[in-house]
Protein backbone atom coordinates (compact mmCIF):
# COMPACT_ATOMS: atom_id res chain seq x y z
CA UNK A 1 -4.70 -121.43 37.03
CA UNK A 2 -6.58 -120.88 33.76
CA UNK A 3 -5.02 -118.49 31.21
CA UNK A 4 -7.83 -115.90 31.62
CA UNK A 5 -7.15 -115.69 35.37
CA UNK A 6 -3.43 -115.46 34.68
CA UNK A 7 -4.01 -112.55 32.22
CA UNK A 8 -6.29 -110.75 34.71
CA UNK A 9 -3.71 -111.14 37.48
CA UNK A 10 -0.95 -109.85 35.19
CA UNK A 11 -3.13 -106.89 34.16
CA UNK A 12 -3.87 -106.02 37.83
CA UNK A 13 -0.19 -106.30 38.67
CA UNK A 14 0.69 -103.92 35.86
CA UNK A 15 -1.91 -101.40 37.01
CA UNK A 16 -0.68 -101.59 40.62
CA UNK A 17 2.91 -101.16 39.44
CA UNK A 18 1.98 -98.16 37.26
CA UNK A 19 -0.02 -96.52 40.06
CA UNK A 20 2.84 -96.98 42.50
CA UNK A 21 5.03 -94.72 40.28
CA UNK A 22 2.56 -91.79 40.19
CA UNK A 23 3.77 -90.17 43.43
CA UNK A 24 7.34 -90.16 42.12
CA UNK A 25 6.18 -88.71 38.81
CA UNK A 26 4.19 -85.97 40.57
CA UNK A 27 7.13 -85.12 42.85
CA UNK A 28 9.42 -84.96 39.82
CA UNK A 29 7.04 -82.63 37.99
CA UNK A 30 6.78 -80.39 41.07
CA UNK A 31 10.58 -80.19 41.29
CA UNK A 32 10.82 -79.25 37.60
CA UNK A 33 8.07 -76.63 38.02
CA UNK A 34 9.81 -75.15 41.08
CA UNK A 35 13.12 -74.99 39.21
CA UNK A 36 11.40 -73.30 36.28
CA UNK A 37 9.73 -70.79 38.60
CA UNK A 38 13.04 -70.05 40.30
CA UNK A 39 14.79 -69.53 36.96
CA UNK A 40 11.99 -67.25 35.78
CA UNK A 41 12.17 -65.21 38.97
CA UNK A 42 15.96 -64.92 38.73
CA UNK A 43 16.11 -63.91 35.08
CA UNK A 44 12.92 -61.86 35.15
CA UNK A 45 13.35 -59.96 38.40
CA UNK A 46 16.54 -60.52 40.40
CA UNK A 47 18.99 -60.24 37.51
CA UNK A 48 17.20 -57.12 36.27
CA UNK A 49 17.48 -55.64 39.78
CA UNK A 50 21.20 -56.38 39.87
CA UNK A 51 21.67 -54.63 36.54
CA UNK A 52 19.93 -51.53 37.94
CA UNK A 53 21.24 -51.52 41.52
CA UNK A 54 23.29 -48.80 43.25
CA UNK A 55 26.56 -49.97 41.68
CA UNK A 56 25.02 -49.79 38.20
CA UNK A 57 23.62 -46.32 38.95
CA UNK A 58 27.05 -45.11 40.09
CA UNK A 59 28.66 -46.50 36.93
CA UNK A 60 26.09 -44.73 34.73
CA UNK A 61 26.49 -41.43 36.59
CA UNK A 62 30.28 -41.69 36.38
CA UNK A 63 30.18 -42.38 32.63
CA UNK A 64 27.68 -39.55 32.02
CA UNK A 65 29.78 -37.13 34.08
CA UNK A 66 33.06 -38.04 32.37
CA UNK A 67 31.43 -37.96 28.94
CA UNK A 68 29.79 -34.58 29.56
CA UNK A 69 33.07 -33.02 30.68
CA UNK A 70 34.88 -34.52 27.67
CA UNK A 71 32.17 -33.32 25.29
CA UNK A 72 32.13 -29.73 26.54
CA UNK A 73 35.83 -29.15 27.34
CA UNK A 74 38.46 -28.33 24.73
CA UNK A 75 41.40 -26.04 24.10
CA UNK A 76 42.76 -24.87 20.73
CA UNK A 77 46.26 -26.23 21.37
CA UNK A 78 45.07 -29.83 21.85
CA UNK A 79 41.79 -29.67 19.99
CA UNK A 80 42.21 -32.90 18.00
CA UNK A 81 42.92 -35.01 21.08
CA UNK A 82 40.10 -33.30 23.03
CA UNK A 83 37.58 -34.02 20.27
CA UNK A 84 38.83 -37.60 19.88
CA UNK A 85 38.50 -38.06 23.63
CA UNK A 86 34.95 -36.73 23.49
CA UNK A 87 34.05 -39.10 20.65
CA UNK A 88 35.27 -42.07 22.69
CA UNK A 89 32.36 -41.43 25.09
CA UNK A 90 29.70 -41.44 22.34
CA UNK A 91 27.75 -44.02 20.37
CA UNK A 92 25.18 -44.39 17.60
CA UNK A 93 23.62 -41.51 15.71
CA UNK A 94 24.88 -39.03 18.29
CA UNK A 95 28.47 -40.05 17.57
CA UNK A 96 27.87 -39.41 13.86
CA UNK A 97 26.17 -36.07 14.54
CA UNK A 98 28.87 -34.91 16.96
CA UNK A 99 31.65 -35.90 14.56
CA UNK A 100 30.18 -33.68 11.83
CA UNK A 101 29.35 -30.86 14.27
CA UNK A 102 32.84 -30.92 15.78
CA UNK A 103 34.55 -30.92 12.37
CA UNK A 104 32.34 -28.25 10.77
CA UNK A 105 31.57 -25.91 13.70
CA UNK A 106 33.61 -26.51 16.85
CA UNK A 107 37.08 -27.07 15.38
CA UNK A 108 37.11 -24.05 13.02
CA UNK A 109 35.70 -21.72 15.70
CA UNK A 110 38.06 -23.00 18.38
CA UNK A 111 41.08 -22.51 16.12
CA UNK A 112 40.11 -19.14 14.60
CA UNK A 113 38.90 -17.53 17.82
CA UNK A 114 41.17 -19.43 20.23
CA UNK A 115 38.16 -20.72 22.17
CA UNK A 116 39.02 -22.49 25.41
CA UNK A 117 36.12 -24.03 27.27
CA UNK A 118 36.11 -26.14 30.42
CA UNK A 119 33.08 -27.89 31.87
CA UNK A 120 32.63 -28.99 35.48
CA UNK A 121 29.74 -31.17 36.57
CA UNK A 122 28.14 -29.90 39.77
CA UNK A 123 25.59 -32.66 40.20
CA UNK A 124 24.26 -35.63 38.26
CA UNK A 125 21.22 -37.74 39.09
CA UNK A 126 19.59 -40.77 37.51
CA UNK A 127 16.33 -39.95 35.79
CA UNK A 128 15.76 -43.44 34.40
CA UNK A 129 17.77 -46.66 34.68
CA UNK A 130 17.27 -49.88 32.75
CA UNK A 131 19.75 -52.72 32.18
CA UNK A 132 20.84 -51.42 28.75
CA UNK A 133 19.78 -47.75 28.75
CA UNK A 134 19.69 -44.85 31.17
CA UNK A 135 18.98 -41.14 31.36
CA UNK A 136 21.02 -38.88 33.61
CA UNK A 137 20.21 -35.28 34.46
CA UNK A 138 23.51 -33.38 34.63
CA UNK A 139 23.94 -29.92 36.14
CA UNK A 140 27.14 -28.20 35.07
CA UNK A 141 29.13 -25.00 34.93
CA UNK A 142 31.08 -24.12 31.83
CA UNK A 143 33.85 -21.53 31.70
CA UNK A 144 34.81 -20.12 28.31
CA UNK A 145 37.54 -17.76 27.15
CA UNK A 146 38.49 -16.69 23.64
CA UNK A 147 40.70 -14.27 21.75
CA UNK A 148 37.75 -11.85 21.59
CA UNK A 149 36.70 -12.44 25.22
CA UNK A 150 39.82 -13.10 27.34
CA UNK A 151 37.92 -12.70 30.62
CA UNK A 152 36.32 -16.03 31.65
CA UNK A 153 32.59 -16.23 31.04
CA UNK A 154 30.83 -18.74 33.24
CA UNK A 155 27.49 -20.30 32.34
CA UNK A 156 25.39 -22.78 34.25
CA UNK A 157 23.25 -25.28 32.41
CA UNK A 158 21.58 -28.63 32.69
CA UNK A 159 21.54 -31.46 30.21
CA UNK A 160 19.60 -34.72 29.91
CA UNK A 161 22.20 -37.28 28.92
CA UNK A 162 20.89 -40.51 27.39
CA UNK A 163 23.21 -43.46 27.92
CA UNK A 164 23.40 -46.80 26.12
CA UNK A 165 25.37 -49.82 27.27
CA UNK A 166 27.67 -50.95 24.47
CA UNK A 167 30.08 -53.86 24.93
CA UNK A 168 29.87 -53.43 28.72
CA UNK A 169 30.54 -49.66 28.64
CA UNK A 170 28.04 -46.86 29.16
CA UNK A 171 28.22 -44.40 26.24
CA UNK A 172 26.31 -41.20 25.46
CA UNK A 173 23.63 -41.76 22.81
CA UNK A 174 21.86 -38.39 23.13
CA UNK A 175 22.68 -35.04 24.73
CA UNK A 176 19.71 -32.71 25.19
CA UNK A 177 20.07 -29.30 26.85
CA UNK A 178 17.21 -28.50 29.18
């Protein structure tokens, strides 16, 4: 066989060999694309749904309820521990604000006038829930007594409690009376 024929045969053999691998390459690319689509769906939709499912909603409501009660309940005889307990439910700028407010307004008034206030949450509902933030509408009753007003005074109110997830815990980042 002349060298030109040999080269042509070798070239045709190479082409046939290369074309025979195309189906495997296409199947491989389809598998990679399907895996990428599945990962995108999981991280874009399913995981987000799990972070905002019923269990997450219950955790947010529980944290908002406990934090609201801690924030609005204190007695003069254990004021420091009550305020410290309240601060443990807070985060961010609201923690800073509440710290100053508690030290400058709440603590002096509670000590001087023997203010005793207890909050009880009547109902709490999710207004907005995202994986890292939430808003909870809290309906509550607050009972207050003081040296000047020994008879309990009960007030009903509602508060929009903004929550932020910090290190796996839901903490109050804003507290807006409605």
